[in-house]
Amino acid sequence: MKAHTKETQESLTPDLALEFLKEGNKRFINNINVNRNLLKQVNETSSNQFPFAAVLSCIDSRTSAELIFDQGLGDI
C-alpha cells in the first residue's frame, strides 16, 4: 500500500477519513493488518507527507496511533 499523496489527501472527505480510521481499527482489533513495505513508505515520505487525519492521544510506549488504526507512515 502506497503512502497518501497530495491528490489522495485532497480528495478525502471527513466522512471517508473517519471510515478509513474505523476500518483500520477493526483490522487492528481482529489482528488483520494491511501488508505494507515500511522501508518503501519511509522513502516515499522523506520529502513530503500528506496525512489525512490528526490523532490526539496519550504517550504510550506500547503502541502508536498508526498501529491502532492500521495506517501507514505519514498517513496520520
N, C-alpha and C. Protein backbone atom coordinates (compact mmCIF):
# COMPACT_ATOMS: atom_id res chain seq x y z
N MET A 1 0.84 -1.17 0.00
CA MET A 1 0.00 0.00 0.00
C MET A 1 0.89 1.23 0.00
N LYS A 2 0.57 2.18 -0.86
CA LYS A 2 1.37 3.38 -1.00
C LYS A 2 0.95 4.45 0.00
N ALA A 3 1.87 5.36 0.27
CA ALA A 3 1.58 6.49 1.14
C ALA A 3 0.64 7.44 0.42
N HIS A 4 -0.11 8.21 1.18
CA HIS A 4 -1.01 9.19 0.59
C HIS A 4 -0.22 10.26 -0.14
N THR A 5 -0.81 10.74 -1.22
CA THR A 5 -0.24 11.84 -2.00
C THR A 5 -1.09 13.08 -1.76
N LYS A 6 -0.65 14.20 -2.30
CA LYS A 6 -1.43 15.43 -2.19
C LYS A 6 -2.81 15.23 -2.81
N GLU A 7 -2.85 14.51 -3.93
CA GLU A 7 -4.12 14.28 -4.62
C GLU A 7 -5.06 13.41 -3.80
N THR A 8 -4.55 12.34 -3.20
CA THR A 8 -5.43 11.48 -2.41
C THR A 8 -5.88 12.19 -1.14
N GLN A 9 -4.99 12.97 -0.55
CA GLN A 9 -5.35 13.73 0.65
C GLN A 9 -6.46 14.72 0.34
N GLU A 10 -6.34 15.45 -0.76
CA GLU A 10 -7.32 16.47 -1.12
C GLU A 10 -8.67 15.87 -1.52
N SER A 11 -8.67 14.62 -1.98
CA SER A 11 -9.92 14.00 -2.44
C SER A 11 -10.73 13.40 -1.29
N LEU A 12 -10.14 13.28 -0.11
CA LEU A 12 -10.84 12.66 1.01
C LEU A 12 -11.80 13.62 1.69
N THR A 13 -12.99 13.13 1.97
CA THR A 13 -13.96 13.89 2.76
C THR A 13 -13.74 13.52 4.23
N PRO A 14 -14.23 14.33 5.15
CA PRO A 14 -14.14 13.95 6.57
C PRO A 14 -14.79 12.59 6.85
N ASP A 15 -15.92 12.32 6.22
CA ASP A 15 -16.59 11.03 6.44
C ASP A 15 -15.75 9.87 5.95
N LEU A 16 -15.10 10.02 4.81
CA LEU A 16 -14.26 8.95 4.28
C LEU A 16 -13.02 8.75 5.15
N ALA A 17 -12.44 9.84 5.64
CA ALA A 17 -11.28 9.73 6.54
C ALA A 17 -11.67 8.97 7.81
N LEU A 18 -12.83 9.30 8.36
CA LEU A 18 -13.30 8.59 9.56
C LEU A 18 -13.53 7.12 9.24
N GLU A 19 -14.06 6.82 8.09
CA GLU A 19 -14.29 5.43 7.69
C GLU A 19 -12.96 4.68 7.58
N PHE A 20 -11.93 5.31 7.01
CA PHE A 20 -10.60 4.69 6.95
C PHE A 20 -10.10 4.33 8.34
N LEU A 21 -10.28 5.25 9.29
CA LEU A 21 -9.81 5.00 10.66
C LEU A 21 -10.61 3.88 11.31
N LYS A 22 -11.92 3.86 11.11
CA LYS A 22 -12.76 2.80 11.69
C LYS A 22 -12.40 1.44 11.10
N GLU A 23 -12.23 1.38 9.78
CA GLU A 23 -11.86 0.11 9.14
C GLU A 23 -10.50 -0.37 9.63
N GLY A 24 -9.55 0.57 9.75
CA GLY A 24 -8.22 0.21 10.25
C GLY A 24 -8.27 -0.30 11.67
N ASN A 25 -9.10 0.33 12.50
CA ASN A 25 -9.22 -0.12 13.89
C ASN A 25 -9.85 -1.52 13.96
N LYS A 26 -10.80 -1.80 13.09
CA LYS A 26 -11.38 -3.15 13.05
C LYS A 26 -10.32 -4.18 12.68
N ARG A 27 -9.45 -3.83 11.72
CA ARG A 27 -8.36 -4.74 11.36
C ARG A 27 -7.43 -4.95 12.55
N PHE A 28 -7.10 -3.87 13.27
CA PHE A 28 -6.23 -3.98 14.44
C PHE A 28 -6.84 -4.90 15.50
N ILE A 29 -8.12 -4.69 15.79
CA ILE A 29 -8.81 -5.50 16.81
C ILE A 29 -8.81 -6.98 16.42
N ASN A 30 -8.97 -7.24 15.12
CA ASN A 30 -9.02 -8.63 14.64
C ASN A 30 -7.65 -9.18 14.24
N ASN A 31 -6.58 -8.41 14.52
CA ASN A 31 -5.21 -8.82 14.23
C ASN A 31 -5.01 -9.14 12.75
N ILE A 32 -5.65 -8.34 11.90
CA ILE A 32 -5.50 -8.48 10.44
C ILE A 32 -5.04 -7.11 9.94
N ASN A 33 -3.77 -6.97 9.63
CA ASN A 33 -3.30 -5.67 9.19
C ASN A 33 -2.90 -5.72 7.72
N VAL A 34 -2.92 -4.55 7.08
CA VAL A 34 -2.53 -4.43 5.69
C VAL A 34 -1.04 -4.66 5.58
N ASN A 35 -0.64 -5.41 4.58
CA ASN A 35 0.78 -5.67 4.35
C ASN A 35 1.41 -4.44 3.71
N ARG A 36 2.29 -3.76 4.43
CA ARG A 36 2.93 -2.55 3.94
C ARG A 36 4.44 -2.75 3.87
N ASN A 37 5.05 -2.13 2.89
CA ASN A 37 6.50 -2.09 2.78
C ASN A 37 6.94 -0.80 3.48
N LEU A 38 7.29 -0.90 4.77
CA LEU A 38 7.59 0.29 5.57
C LEU A 38 8.82 1.03 5.06
N LEU A 39 9.84 0.30 4.60
CA LEU A 39 11.03 0.97 4.08
C LEU A 39 10.67 1.79 2.84
N LYS A 40 9.83 1.25 1.98
CA LYS A 40 9.38 2.00 0.81
C LYS A 40 8.59 3.23 1.24
N GLN A 41 7.73 3.10 2.25
CA GLN A 41 6.97 4.25 2.73
C GLN A 41 7.88 5.31 3.35
N VAL A 42 8.92 4.89 4.04
CA VAL A 42 9.89 5.86 4.59
C VAL A 42 10.49 6.66 3.46
N ASN A 43 10.89 5.98 2.39
CA ASN A 43 11.49 6.67 1.25
C ASN A 43 10.47 7.55 0.53
N GLU A 44 9.23 7.07 0.38
CA GLU A 44 8.20 7.85 -0.30
C GLU A 44 7.82 9.12 0.47
N THR A 45 7.93 9.08 1.78
CA THR A 45 7.51 10.22 2.61
C THR A 45 8.68 11.08 3.10
N SER A 46 9.87 10.82 2.59
CA SER A 46 11.04 11.55 3.09
C SER A 46 11.01 13.04 2.74
N SER A 47 10.43 13.39 1.61
CA SER A 47 10.40 14.81 1.23
C SER A 47 9.04 15.47 1.47
N ASN A 48 7.97 14.68 1.44
CA ASN A 48 6.63 15.21 1.66
C ASN A 48 5.76 14.18 2.35
N GLN A 49 4.90 14.64 3.23
CA GLN A 49 3.90 13.78 3.86
C GLN A 49 2.55 14.46 3.72
N PHE A 50 1.52 13.65 3.47
CA PHE A 50 0.18 14.17 3.28
C PHE A 50 -0.81 13.39 4.14
N PRO A 51 -0.76 13.61 5.47
CA PRO A 51 -1.66 12.89 6.36
C PRO A 51 -3.11 13.27 6.10
N PHE A 52 -4.01 12.31 6.29
CA PHE A 52 -5.43 12.58 6.08
C PHE A 52 -6.16 12.81 7.38
N ALA A 53 -5.49 12.61 8.51
CA ALA A 53 -6.12 12.80 9.82
C ALA A 53 -5.05 13.11 10.86
N ALA A 54 -5.48 13.78 11.91
CA ALA A 54 -4.63 14.02 13.07
C ALA A 54 -5.27 13.31 14.26
N VAL A 55 -4.45 12.65 15.04
CA VAL A 55 -4.96 11.89 16.19
C VAL A 55 -4.30 12.43 17.45
N LEU A 56 -5.12 12.87 18.37
CA LEU A 56 -4.64 13.33 19.66
C LEU A 56 -4.71 12.14 20.61
N SER A 57 -3.58 11.77 21.17
CA SER A 57 -3.56 10.60 22.05
C SER A 57 -2.54 10.81 23.16
N CYS A 58 -2.57 9.92 24.12
CA CYS A 58 -1.59 9.98 25.20
C CYS A 58 -0.30 9.31 24.73
N ILE A 59 0.77 9.62 25.40
CA ILE A 59 2.05 8.98 25.08
C ILE A 59 2.04 7.61 25.76
N ASP A 60 2.07 6.58 24.96
CA ASP A 60 2.04 5.21 25.46
C ASP A 60 3.02 4.40 24.64
N SER A 61 4.08 3.95 25.24
CA SER A 61 5.13 3.26 24.51
C SER A 61 4.72 1.88 24.01
N ARG A 62 3.54 1.39 24.40
CA ARG A 62 3.13 0.06 23.97
C ARG A 62 2.57 0.03 22.57
N THR A 63 2.12 1.16 22.07
CA THR A 63 1.54 1.18 20.73
C THR A 63 1.55 2.60 20.18
N SER A 64 1.16 2.74 18.93
CA SER A 64 1.08 4.06 18.30
C SER A 64 -0.25 4.18 17.57
N ALA A 65 -0.61 5.39 17.23
CA ALA A 65 -1.87 5.61 16.51
C ALA A 65 -1.86 4.88 15.17
N GLU A 66 -0.69 4.83 14.50
CA GLU A 66 -0.60 4.12 13.22
C GLU A 66 -0.96 2.65 13.37
N LEU A 67 -0.54 2.03 14.47
CA LEU A 67 -0.88 0.62 14.71
C LEU A 67 -2.35 0.44 15.06
N ILE A 68 -2.86 1.27 15.95
CA ILE A 68 -4.25 1.13 16.41
C ILE A 68 -5.24 1.33 15.26
N PHE A 69 -4.88 2.20 14.30
CA PHE A 69 -5.77 2.47 13.17
C PHE A 69 -5.27 1.81 11.88
N ASP A 70 -4.24 0.97 11.99
CA ASP A 70 -3.66 0.25 10.84
C ASP A 70 -3.46 1.18 9.65
N GLN A 71 -2.68 2.22 9.86
CA GLN A 71 -2.37 3.20 8.82
C GLN A 71 -0.87 3.19 8.57
N GLY A 72 -0.50 3.68 7.39
CA GLY A 72 0.90 3.71 7.02
C GLY A 72 1.62 4.92 7.55
N LEU A 73 2.91 4.94 7.31
CA LEU A 73 3.75 6.06 7.74
C LEU A 73 3.34 7.33 7.01
N GLY A 74 3.14 8.39 7.77
CA GLY A 74 2.75 9.67 7.18
C GLY A 74 1.26 9.81 6.89
N ASP A 75 0.47 8.75 7.13
CA ASP A 75 -0.97 8.81 6.85
C ASP A 75 -1.73 9.58 7.92
N ILE A 76 -1.30 9.46 9.17
CA ILE A 76 -1.97 10.18 10.27
C ILE A 76 -0.91 10.82 11.14
